[in-house]
Amino acid sequence: HGNMVAMTQTLLSIFGARVVSPSTGLLLNNGIMWFDPEPGRPN
């Protein structure tokens, strides 16, 4: 019918945080790395 989806999804790094949740079997993201750890900086 012409409906469209363009979808992007991520864990951020490859294998995310390189940590697996044992109760769920899921690889976990490392989204905290998106932030600059230096205080006072953008983001």
ModelCIF file with pLDDT and N, C-alpha, C, O atoms, coordinates in Angstrom:
data_MODEL
#
_entry.id   MODEL 
#
_entity.id                         1 
_entity.type                       polymer 
_entity.pdbx_number_of_molecules   1 
#
_entity_poly.entity_id                      1 
_entity_poly.type                           'polypeptide(L)' 
_entity_poly.nstd_linkage                   no 
_entity_poly.nstd_monomer                   no 
_entity_poly.pdbx_seq_one_letter_code       HGNMVAMTQTLLSIFGARVVSPSTGLLLNNGIMWFDPEPGRPN 
_entity_poly.pdbx_seq_one_letter_code_can   HGNMVAMTQTLLSIFGARVVSPSTGLLLNNGIMWFDPEPGRPN 
_entity_poly.pdbx_strand_id                 A 
#
loop_
_entity_poly_seq.entity_id 
_entity_poly_seq.num 
_entity_poly_seq.mon_id 
_entity_poly_seq.hetero 
1 1  HIS n 
1 2  GLY n 
1 3  ASN n 
1 4  MET n 
1 5  VAL n 
1 6  ALA n 
1 7  MET n 
1 8  THR n 
1 9  GLN n 
1 10 THR n 
1 11 LEU n 
1 12 LEU n 
1 13 SER n 
1 14 ILE n 
1 15 PHE n 
1 16 GLY n 
1 17 ALA n 
1 18 ARG n 
1 19 VAL n 
1 20 VAL n 
1 21 SER n 
1 22 PRO n 
1 23 SER n 
1 24 THR n 
1 25 GLY n 
1 26 LEU n 
1 27 LEU n 
1 28 LEU n 
1 29 ASN n 
1 30 ASN n 
1 31 GLY n 
1 32 ILE n 
1 33 MET n 
1 34 TRP n 
1 35 PHE n 
1 36 ASP n 
1 37 PRO n 
1 38 GLU n 
1 39 PRO n 
1 40 GLY n 
1 41 ARG n 
1 42 PRO n 
1 43 ASN n 
#
_struct_asym.id          A 
_struct_asym.entity_id   1 
#
loop_
_ma_qa_metric.id 
_ma_qa_metric.mode 
_ma_qa_metric.name 
_ma_qa_metric.software_group_id 
_ma_qa_metric.type 
1 global pLDDT . pLDDT 
2 local  pLDDT . pLDDT 
#
_ma_qa_metric_global.metric_id      1 
_ma_qa_metric_global.metric_value   94.93 
_ma_qa_metric_global.model_id       1 
_ma_qa_metric_global.ordinal_id     1 
#
loop_
_ma_qa_metric_local.label_asym_id 
_ma_qa_metric_local.label_comp_id 
_ma_qa_metric_local.label_seq_id 
_ma_qa_metric_local.metric_id 
_ma_qa_metric_local.metric_value 
_ma_qa_metric_local.model_id 
_ma_qa_metric_local.ordinal_id 
A HIS 1  2 97.00 1 1  
A GLY 2  2 98.00 1 2  
A ASN 3  2 98.00 1 3  
A MET 4  2 99.00 1 4  
A VAL 5  2 98.00 1 5  
A ALA 6  2 98.00 1 6  
A MET 7  2 98.00 1 7  
A THR 8  2 98.00 1 8  
A GLN 9  2 98.00 1 9  
A THR 10 2 97.00 1 10 
A LEU 11 2 96.00 1 11 
A LEU 12 2 94.00 1 12 
A SER 13 2 92.00 1 13 
A ILE 14 2 94.00 1 14 
A PHE 15 2 96.00 1 15 
A GLY 16 2 96.00 1 16 
A ALA 17 2 97.00 1 17 
A ARG 18 2 97.00 1 18 
A VAL 19 2 98.00 1 19 
A VAL 20 2 98.00 1 20 
A SER 21 2 98.00 1 21 
A PRO 22 2 98.00 1 22 
A SER 23 2 98.00 1 23 
A THR 24 2 98.00 1 24 
A GLY 25 2 98.00 1 25 
A LEU 26 2 98.00 1 26 
A LEU 27 2 98.00 1 27 
A LEU 28 2 98.00 1 28 
A ASN 29 2 97.00 1 29 
A ASN 30 2 96.00 1 30 
A GLY 31 2 95.00 1 31 
A ILE 32 2 96.00 1 32 
A MET 33 2 93.00 1 33 
A TRP 34 2 90.00 1 34 
A PHE 35 2 92.00 1 35 
A ASP 36 2 90.00 1 36 
A PRO 37 2 92.00 1 37 
A GLU 38 2 90.00 1 38 
A PRO 39 2 91.00 1 39 
A GLY 40 2 88.00 1 40 
A ARG 41 2 85.00 1 41 
A PRO 42 2 81.00 1 42 
A ASN 43 2 85.00 1 43 
#
loop_
_atom_site.group_PDB 
_atom_site.id 
_atom_site.type_symbol 
_atom_site.label_atom_id 
_atom_site.label_alt_id 
_atom_site.label_comp_id 
_atom_site.label_asym_id 
_atom_site.label_entity_id 
_atom_site.label_seq_id 
_atom_site.pdbx_PDB_ins_code 
_atom_site.Cartn_x 
_atom_site.Cartn_y 
_atom_site.Cartn_z 
_atom_site.occupancy 
_atom_site.B_iso_or_equiv 
_atom_site.pdbx_formal_charge 
_atom_site.auth_seq_id 
_atom_site.auth_comp_id 
_atom_site.auth_asym_id 
_atom_site.auth_atom_id 
_atom_site.pdbx_PDB_model_num 
ATOM 1   N N  . HIS A 1 1  ? 0.810  -1.213  0.000  1.00 97.00 ? 1  HIS A N  1 
ATOM 2   C CA . HIS A 1 1  ? 0.000  0.000   0.000  1.00 97.00 ? 1  HIS A CA 1 
ATOM 3   C C  . HIS A 1 1  ? 0.847  1.268   0.000  1.00 97.00 ? 1  HIS A C  1 
ATOM 4   O O  . HIS A 1 1  ? 0.309  2.373   -0.078 1.00 97.00 ? 1  HIS A O  1 
ATOM 5   N N  . GLY A 1 2  ? 2.166  1.117   0.087  1.00 98.00 ? 2  GLY A N  1 
ATOM 6   C CA . GLY A 1 2  ? 3.052  2.270   0.072  1.00 98.00 ? 2  GLY A CA 1 
ATOM 7   C C  . GLY A 1 2  ? 3.452  2.784   1.434  1.00 98.00 ? 2  GLY A C  1 
ATOM 8   O O  . GLY A 1 2  ? 4.186  3.769   1.518  1.00 98.00 ? 2  GLY A O  1 
ATOM 9   N N  . ASN A 1 3  ? 2.989  2.143   2.528  1.00 98.00 ? 3  ASN A N  1 
ATOM 10  C CA . ASN A 1 3  ? 3.473  2.512   3.859  1.00 98.00 ? 3  ASN A CA 1 
ATOM 11  C C  . ASN A 1 3  ? 4.938  2.105   3.988  1.00 98.00 ? 3  ASN A C  1 
ATOM 12  O O  . ASN A 1 3  ? 5.351  1.077   3.452  1.00 98.00 ? 3  ASN A O  1 
ATOM 13  N N  . MET A 1 4  ? 5.713  2.907   4.691  1.00 99.00 ? 4  MET A N  1 
ATOM 14  C CA . MET A 1 4  ? 7.147  2.653   4.803  1.00 99.00 ? 4  MET A CA 1 
ATOM 15  C C  . MET A 1 4  ? 7.636  2.787   6.238  1.00 99.00 ? 4  MET A C  1 
ATOM 16  O O  . MET A 1 4  ? 7.047  3.500   7.050  1.00 99.00 ? 4  MET A O  1 
ATOM 17  N N  . VAL A 1 5  ? 8.728  2.082   6.530  1.00 98.00 ? 5  VAL A N  1 
ATOM 18  C CA . VAL A 1 5  ? 9.440  2.206   7.797  1.00 98.00 ? 5  VAL A CA 1 
ATOM 19  C C  . VAL A 1 5  ? 10.932 2.240   7.491  1.00 98.00 ? 5  VAL A C  1 
ATOM 20  O O  . VAL A 1 5  ? 11.439 1.404   6.744  1.00 98.00 ? 5  VAL A O  1 
ATOM 21  N N  . ALA A 1 6  ? 11.627 3.204   8.069  1.00 98.00 ? 6  ALA A N  1 
ATOM 22  C CA . ALA A 1 6  ? 13.091 3.222   8.090  1.00 98.00 ? 6  ALA A CA 1 
ATOM 23  C C  . ALA A 1 6  ? 13.481 3.178   9.558  1.00 98.00 ? 6  ALA A C  1 
ATOM 24  O O  . ALA A 1 6  ? 13.260 4.149   10.282 1.00 98.00 ? 6  ALA A O  1 
ATOM 25  N N  . MET A 1 7  ? 14.059 2.066   10.013 1.00 98.00 ? 7  MET A N  1 
ATOM 26  C CA . MET A 1 7  ? 14.257 1.835   11.448 1.00 98.00 ? 7  MET A CA 1 
ATOM 27  C C  . MET A 1 7  ? 15.706 1.504   11.760 1.00 98.00 ? 7  MET A C  1 
ATOM 28  O O  . MET A 1 7  ? 16.295 0.599   11.169 1.00 98.00 ? 7  MET A O  1 
ATOM 29  N N  . THR A 1 8  ? 16.274 2.258   12.703 1.00 98.00 ? 8  THR A N  1 
ATOM 30  C CA . THR A 1 8  ? 17.639 2.021   13.163 1.00 98.00 ? 8  THR A CA 1 
ATOM 31  C C  . THR A 1 8  ? 17.616 1.661   14.639 1.00 98.00 ? 8  THR A C  1 
ATOM 32  O O  . THR A 1 8  ? 16.945 2.320   15.433 1.00 98.00 ? 8  THR A O  1 
ATOM 33  N N  . GLN A 1 9  ? 18.345 0.619   15.007 1.00 98.00 ? 9  GLN A N  1 
ATOM 34  C CA . GLN A 1 9  ? 18.401 0.171   16.406 1.00 98.00 ? 9  GLN A CA 1 
ATOM 35  C C  . GLN A 1 9  ? 19.823 -0.246  16.745 1.00 98.00 ? 9  GLN A C  1 
ATOM 36  O O  . GLN A 1 9  ? 20.572 -0.712  15.886 1.00 98.00 ? 9  GLN A O  1 
ATOM 37  N N  . THR A 1 10 ? 20.183 -0.069  18.018 1.00 97.00 ? 10 THR A N  1 
ATOM 38  C CA . THR A 1 10 ? 21.594 -0.251  18.369 1.00 97.00 ? 10 THR A CA 1 
ATOM 39  C C  . THR A 1 10 ? 21.777 -0.615  19.844 1.00 97.00 ? 10 THR A C  1 
ATOM 40  O O  . THR A 1 10 ? 20.933 -0.316  20.689 1.00 97.00 ? 10 THR A O  1 
ATOM 41  N N  . LEU A 1 11 ? 22.908 -1.270  20.125 1.00 96.00 ? 11 LEU A N  1 
ATOM 42  C CA . LEU A 1 11 ? 23.422 -1.427  21.487 1.00 96.00 ? 11 LEU A CA 1 
ATOM 43  C C  . LEU A 1 11 ? 24.528 -0.414  21.747 1.00 96.00 ? 11 LEU A C  1 
ATOM 44  O O  . LEU A 1 11 ? 25.093 -0.384  22.840 1.00 96.00 ? 11 LEU A O  1 
ATOM 45  N N  . LEU A 1 12 ? 24.840 0.406   20.769 1.00 94.00 ? 12 LEU A N  1 
ATOM 46  C CA . LEU A 1 12 ? 25.931 1.382   20.680 1.00 94.00 ? 12 LEU A CA 1 
ATOM 47  C C  . LEU A 1 12 ? 27.206 0.707   20.204 1.00 94.00 ? 12 LEU A C  1 
ATOM 48  O O  . LEU A 1 12 ? 27.426 0.653   18.994 1.00 94.00 ? 12 LEU A O  1 
ATOM 49  N N  . SER A 1 13 ? 28.060 0.191   21.078 1.00 92.00 ? 13 SER A N  1 
ATOM 50  C CA . SER A 1 13 ? 29.258 -0.513  20.611 1.00 92.00 ? 13 SER A CA 1 
ATOM 51  C C  . SER A 1 13 ? 28.890 -1.905  20.124 1.00 92.00 ? 13 SER A C  1 
ATOM 52  O O  . SER A 1 13 ? 27.798 -2.404  20.396 1.00 92.00 ? 13 SER A O  1 
ATOM 53  N N  . ILE A 1 14 ? 29.800 -2.515  19.413 1.00 94.00 ? 14 ILE A N  1 
ATOM 54  C CA . ILE A 1 14 ? 29.609 -3.907  19.040 1.00 94.00 ? 14 ILE A CA 1 
ATOM 55  C C  . ILE A 1 14 ? 29.621 -4.748  20.322 1.00 94.00 ? 14 ILE A C  1 
ATOM 56  O O  . ILE A 1 14 ? 30.553 -4.651  21.120 1.00 94.00 ? 14 ILE A O  1 
ATOM 57  N N  . PHE A 1 15 ? 28.600 -5.559  20.514 1.00 96.00 ? 15 PHE A N  1 
ATOM 58  C CA . PHE A 1 15 ? 28.337 -6.305  21.741 1.00 96.00 ? 15 PHE A CA 1 
ATOM 59  C C  . PHE A 1 15 ? 27.978 -5.391  22.911 1.00 96.00 ? 15 PHE A C  1 
ATOM 60  O O  . PHE A 1 15 ? 27.993 -5.831  24.060 1.00 96.00 ? 15 PHE A O  1 
ATOM 61  N N  . GLY A 1 16 ? 27.655 -4.126  22.635 1.00 96.00 ? 16 GLY A N  1 
ATOM 62  C CA . GLY A 1 16 ? 27.218 -3.217  23.680 1.00 96.00 ? 16 GLY A CA 1 
ATOM 63  C C  . GLY A 1 16 ? 28.216 -3.102  24.820 1.00 96.00 ? 16 GLY A C  1 
ATOM 64  O O  . GLY A 1 16 ? 29.391 -2.813  24.596 1.00 96.00 ? 16 GLY A O  1 
ATOM 65  N N  . ALA A 1 17 ? 27.746 -3.329  26.051 1.00 97.00 ? 17 ALA A N  1 
ATOM 66  C CA . ALA A 1 17 ? 28.613 -3.261  27.234 1.00 97.00 ? 17 ALA A CA 1 
ATOM 67  C C  . ALA A 1 17 ? 29.440 -4.525  27.416 1.00 97.00 ? 17 ALA A C  1 
ATOM 68  O O  . ALA A 1 17 ? 30.185 -4.642  28.388 1.00 97.00 ? 17 ALA A O  1 
ATOM 69  N N  . ARG A 1 18 ? 29.316 -5.471  26.490 1.00 97.00 ? 18 ARG A N  1 
ATOM 70  C CA . ARG A 1 18 ? 29.983 -6.779  26.565 1.00 97.00 ? 18 ARG A CA 1 
ATOM 71  C C  . ARG A 1 18 ? 29.576 -7.514  27.827 1.00 97.00 ? 18 ARG A C  1 
ATOM 72  O O  . ARG A 1 18 ? 30.371 -8.221  28.447 1.00 97.00 ? 18 ARG A O  1 
ATOM 73  N N  . VAL A 1 19 ? 28.318 -7.328  28.189 1.00 98.00 ? 19 VAL A N  1 
ATOM 74  C CA . VAL A 1 19 ? 27.752 -7.936  29.388 1.00 98.00 ? 19 VAL A CA 1 
ATOM 75  C C  . VAL A 1 19 ? 26.435 -8.599  29.012 1.00 98.00 ? 19 VAL A C  1 
ATOM 76  O O  . VAL A 1 19 ? 25.635 -8.021  28.277 1.00 98.00 ? 19 VAL A O  1 
ATOM 77  N N  . VAL A 1 20 ? 26.206 -9.801  29.509 1.00 98.00 ? 20 VAL A N  1 
ATOM 78  C CA . VAL A 1 20 ? 24.950 -10.509 29.303 1.00 98.00 ? 20 VAL A CA 1 
ATOM 79  C C  . VAL A 1 20 ? 24.191 -10.564 30.618 1.00 98.00 ? 20 VAL A C  1 
ATOM 80  O O  . VAL A 1 20 ? 24.760 -10.881 31.662 1.00 98.00 ? 20 VAL A O  1 
ATOM 81  N N  . SER A 1 21 ? 22.900 -10.253 30.558 1.00 98.00 ? 21 SER A N  1 
ATOM 82  C CA . SER A 1 21 ? 22.022 -10.411 31.714 1.00 98.00 ? 21 SER A CA 1 
ATOM 83  C C  . SER A 1 21 ? 21.704 -11.894 31.865 1.00 98.00 ? 21 SER A C  1 
ATOM 84  O O  . SER A 1 21 ? 21.044 -12.454 30.990 1.00 98.00 ? 21 SER A O  1 
ATOM 85  N N  . PRO A 1 22 ? 22.146 -12.557 32.939 1.00 98.00 ? 22 PRO A N  1 
ATOM 86  C CA . PRO A 1 22 ? 21.953 -14.005 33.046 1.00 98.00 ? 22 PRO A CA 1 
ATOM 87  C C  . PRO A 1 22 ? 20.489 -14.408 33.170 1.00 98.00 ? 22 PRO A C  1 
ATOM 88  O O  . PRO A 1 22 ? 20.117 -15.500 32.740 1.00 98.00 ? 22 PRO A O  1 
ATOM 89  N N  . SER A 1 23 ? 19.654 -13.555 33.746 1.00 98.00 ? 23 SER A N  1 
ATOM 90  C CA . SER A 1 23 ? 18.241 -13.900 33.916 1.00 98.00 ? 23 SER A CA 1 
ATOM 91  C C  . SER A 1 23 ? 17.456 -13.818 32.619 1.00 98.00 ? 23 SER A C  1 
ATOM 92  O O  . SER A 1 23 ? 16.457 -14.517 32.447 1.00 98.00 ? 23 SER A O  1 
ATOM 93  N N  . THR A 1 24 ? 17.910 -12.958 31.696 1.00 98.00 ? 24 THR A N  1 
ATOM 94  C CA . THR A 1 24 ? 17.155 -12.736 30.452 1.00 98.00 ? 24 THR A CA 1 
ATOM 95  C C  . THR A 1 24 ? 17.861 -13.244 29.210 1.00 98.00 ? 24 THR A C  1 
ATOM 96  O O  . THR A 1 24 ? 17.223 -13.421 28.172 1.00 98.00 ? 24 THR A O  1 
ATOM 97  N N  . GLY A 1 25 ? 19.168 -13.484 29.291 1.00 98.00 ? 25 GLY A N  1 
ATOM 98  C CA . GLY A 1 25 ? 19.923 -13.912 28.123 1.00 98.00 ? 25 GLY A CA 1 
ATOM 99  C C  . GLY A 1 25 ? 20.197 -12.797 27.130 1.00 98.00 ? 25 GLY A C  1 
ATOM 100 O O  . GLY A 1 25 ? 20.632 -13.066 26.010 1.00 98.00 ? 25 GLY A O  1 
ATOM 101 N N  . LEU A 1 26 ? 19.948 -11.537 27.519 1.00 98.00 ? 26 LEU A N  1 
ATOM 102 C CA . LEU A 1 26 ? 20.107 -10.412 26.600 1.00 98.00 ? 26 LEU A CA 1 
ATOM 103 C C  . LEU A 1 26 ? 21.469 -9.752  26.765 1.00 98.00 ? 26 LEU A C  1 
ATOM 104 O O  . LEU A 1 26 ? 21.954 -9.570  27.882 1.00 98.00 ? 26 LEU A O  1 
ATOM 105 N N  . LEU A 1 27 ? 22.079 -9.395  25.633 1.00 98.00 ? 27 LEU A N  1 
ATOM 106 C CA . LEU A 1 27 ? 23.235 -8.512  25.666 1.00 98.00 ? 27 LEU A CA 1 
ATOM 107 C C  . LEU A 1 27 ? 22.760 -7.114  26.046 1.00 98.00 ? 27 LEU A C  1 
ATOM 108 O O  . LEU A 1 27 ? 21.686 -6.689  25.622 1.00 98.00 ? 27 LEU A O  1 
ATOM 109 N N  . LEU A 1 28 ? 23.551 -6.399  26.841 1.00 98.00 ? 28 LEU A N  1 
ATOM 110 C CA . LEU A 1 28 ? 23.153 -5.095  27.340 1.00 98.00 ? 28 LEU A CA 1 
ATOM 111 C C  . LEU A 1 28 ? 23.873 -3.979  26.596 1.00 98.00 ? 28 LEU A C  1 
ATOM 112 O O  . LEU A 1 28 ? 25.003 -4.148  26.139 1.00 98.00 ? 28 LEU A O  1 
ATOM 113 N N  . ASN A 1 29 ? 23.205 -2.843  26.480 1.00 97.00 ? 29 ASN A N  1 
ATOM 114 C CA . ASN A 1 29 ? 23.787 -1.688  25.796 1.00 97.00 ? 29 ASN A CA 1 
ATOM 115 C C  . ASN A 1 29 ? 24.890 -1.049  26.640 1.00 97.00 ? 29 ASN A C  1 
ATOM 116 O O  . ASN A 1 29 ? 25.012 -1.318  27.835 1.00 97.00 ? 29 ASN A O  1 
ATOM 117 N N  . ASN A 1 30 ? 25.690 -0.199  25.993 1.00 96.00 ? 30 ASN A N  1 
ATOM 118 C CA . ASN A 1 30 ? 26.630 0.652   26.733 1.00 96.00 ? 30 ASN A CA 1 
ATOM 119 C C  . ASN A 1 30 ? 26.360 2.120   26.394 1.00 96.00 ? 30 ASN A C  1 
ATOM 120 O O  . ASN A 1 30 ? 27.263 2.874   26.031 1.00 96.00 ? 30 ASN A O  1 
ATOM 121 N N  . GLY A 1 31 ? 25.085 2.496   26.525 1.00 95.00 ? 31 GLY A N  1 
ATOM 122 C CA . GLY A 1 31 ? 24.652 3.838   26.165 1.00 95.00 ? 31 GLY A CA 1 
ATOM 123 C C  . GLY A 1 31 ? 25.287 4.953   26.972 1.00 95.00 ? 31 GLY A C  1 
ATOM 124 O O  . GLY A 1 31 ? 25.288 6.099   26.523 1.00 95.00 ? 31 GLY A O  1 
ATOM 125 N N  . ILE A 1 32 ? 25.831 4.659   28.157 1.00 96.00 ? 32 ILE A N  1 
ATOM 126 C CA . ILE A 1 32 ? 26.483 5.696   28.959 1.00 96.00 ? 32 ILE A CA 1 
ATOM 127 C C  . ILE A 1 32 ? 27.688 6.268   28.217 1.00 96.00 ? 32 ILE A C  1 
ATOM 128 O O  . ILE A 1 32 ? 28.097 7.402   28.469 1.00 96.00 ? 32 ILE A O  1 
ATOM 129 N N  . MET A 1 33 ? 28.257 5.478   27.298 1.00 93.00 ? 33 MET A N  1 
ATOM 130 C CA . MET A 1 33 ? 29.417 5.968   26.558 1.00 93.00 ? 33 MET A CA 1 
ATOM 131 C C  . MET A 1 33 ? 29.054 7.115   25.618 1.00 93.00 ? 33 MET A C  1 
ATOM 132 O O  . MET A 1 33 ? 29.945 7.827   25.157 1.00 93.00 ? 33 MET A O  1 
ATOM 133 N N  . TRP A 1 34 ? 27.755 7.313   25.320 1.00 90.00 ? 34 TRP A N  1 
ATOM 134 C CA . TRP A 1 34 ? 27.348 8.431   24.478 1.00 90.00 ? 34 TRP A CA 1 
ATOM 135 C C  . TRP A 1 34 ? 27.596 9.782   25.165 1.00 90.00 ? 34 TRP A C  1 
ATOM 136 O O  . TRP A 1 34 ? 27.623 10.815  24.497 1.00 90.00 ? 34 TRP A O  1 
ATOM 137 N N  . PHE A 1 35 ? 27.774 9.782   26.476 1.00 92.00 ? 35 PHE A N  1 
ATOM 138 C CA . PHE A 1 35 ? 27.957 11.026  27.210 1.00 92.00 ? 35 PHE A CA 1 
ATOM 139 C C  . PHE A 1 35 ? 29.436 11.342  27.394 1.00 92.00 ? 35 PHE A C  1 
ATOM 140 O O  . PHE A 1 35 ? 30.259 10.447  27.586 1.00 92.00 ? 35 PHE A O  1 
ATOM 141 N N  . ASP A 1 36 ? 29.755 12.624  27.332 1.00 90.00 ? 36 ASP A N  1 
ATOM 142 C CA . ASP A 1 36 ? 31.113 13.087  27.595 1.00 90.00 ? 36 ASP A CA 1 
ATOM 143 C C  . ASP A 1 36 ? 31.341 13.041  29.107 1.00 90.00 ? 36 ASP A C  1 
ATOM 144 O O  . ASP A 1 36 ? 30.599 13.690  29.844 1.00 90.00 ? 36 ASP A O  1 
ATOM 145 N N  . PRO A 1 37 ? 32.342 12.295  29.597 1.00 92.00 ? 37 PRO A N  1 
ATOM 146 C CA . PRO A 1 37 ? 32.551 12.197  31.048 1.00 92.00 ? 37 PRO A CA 1 
ATOM 147 C C  . PRO A 1 37 ? 33.194 13.436  31.656 1.00 92.00 ? 37 PRO A C  1 
ATOM 148 O O  . PRO A 1 37 ? 33.300 13.537  32.878 1.00 92.00 ? 37 PRO A O  1 
ATOM 149 N N  . GLU A 1 38 ? 33.624 14.378  30.824 1.00 90.00 ? 38 GLU A N  1 
ATOM 150 C CA . GLU A 1 38 ? 34.271 15.580  31.342 1.00 90.00 ? 38 GLU A CA 1 
ATOM 151 C C  . GLU A 1 38 ? 33.213 16.607  31.721 1.00 90.00 ? 38 GLU A C  1 
ATOM 152 O O  . GLU A 1 38 ? 32.450 17.035  30.855 1.00 90.00 ? 38 GLU A O  1 
ATOM 153 N N  . PRO A 1 39 ? 33.141 17.017  32.983 1.00 91.00 ? 39 PRO A N  1 
ATOM 154 C CA . PRO A 1 39 ? 32.109 17.962  33.428 1.00 91.00 ? 39 PRO A CA 1 
ATOM 155 C C  . PRO A 1 39 ? 32.167 19.276  32.650 1.00 91.00 ? 39 PRO A C  1 
ATOM 156 O O  . PRO A 1 39 ? 33.238 19.745  32.263 1.00 91.00 ? 39 PRO A O  1 
ATOM 157 N N  . GLY A 1 40 ? 30.982 19.859  32.432 1.00 88.00 ? 40 GLY A N  1 
ATOM 158 C CA . GLY A 1 40 ? 30.901 21.157  31.790 1.00 88.00 ? 40 GLY A CA 1 
ATOM 159 C C  . GLY A 1 40 ? 30.936 21.142  30.286 1.00 88.00 ? 40 GLY A C  1 
ATOM 160 O O  . GLY A 1 40 ? 30.858 22.198  29.656 1.00 88.00 ? 40 GLY A O  1 
ATOM 161 N N  . ARG A 1 41 ? 31.051 19.970  29.692 1.00 85.00 ? 41 ARG A N  1 
ATOM 162 C CA . ARG A 1 41 ? 31.109 19.861  28.230 1.00 85.00 ? 41 ARG A CA 1 
ATOM 163 C C  . ARG A 1 41 ? 29.702 19.677  27.664 1.00 85.00 ? 41 ARG A C  1 
ATOM 164 O O  . ARG A 1 41 ? 28.795 19.267  28.388 1.00 85.00 ? 41 ARG A O  1 
ATOM 165 N N  . PRO A 1 42 ? 29.506 19.983  26.348 1.00 81.00 ? 42 PRO A N  1 
ATOM 166 C CA . PRO A 1 42 ? 28.223 19.627  25.735 1.00 81.00 ? 42 PRO A CA 1 
ATOM 167 C C  . PRO A 1 42 ? 27.986 18.116  25.873 1.00 81.00 ? 42 PRO A C  1 
ATOM 168 O O  . PRO A 1 42 ? 28.902 17.316  25.683 1.00 81.00 ? 42 PRO A O  1 
ATOM 169 N N  . ASN A 1 43 ? 26.782 17.749  26.195 1.00 85.00 ? 43 ASN A N  1 
ATOM 170 C CA . ASN A 1 43 ? 26.442 16.338  26.349 1.00 85.00 ? 43 ASN A CA 1 
ATOM 171 C C  . ASN A 1 43 ? 27.188 15.683  27.508 1.00 85.00 ? 43 ASN A C  1 
ATOM 172 O O  . ASN A 1 43 ? 27.007 14.493  27.765 1.00 85.00 ? 43 ASN A O  1 
#
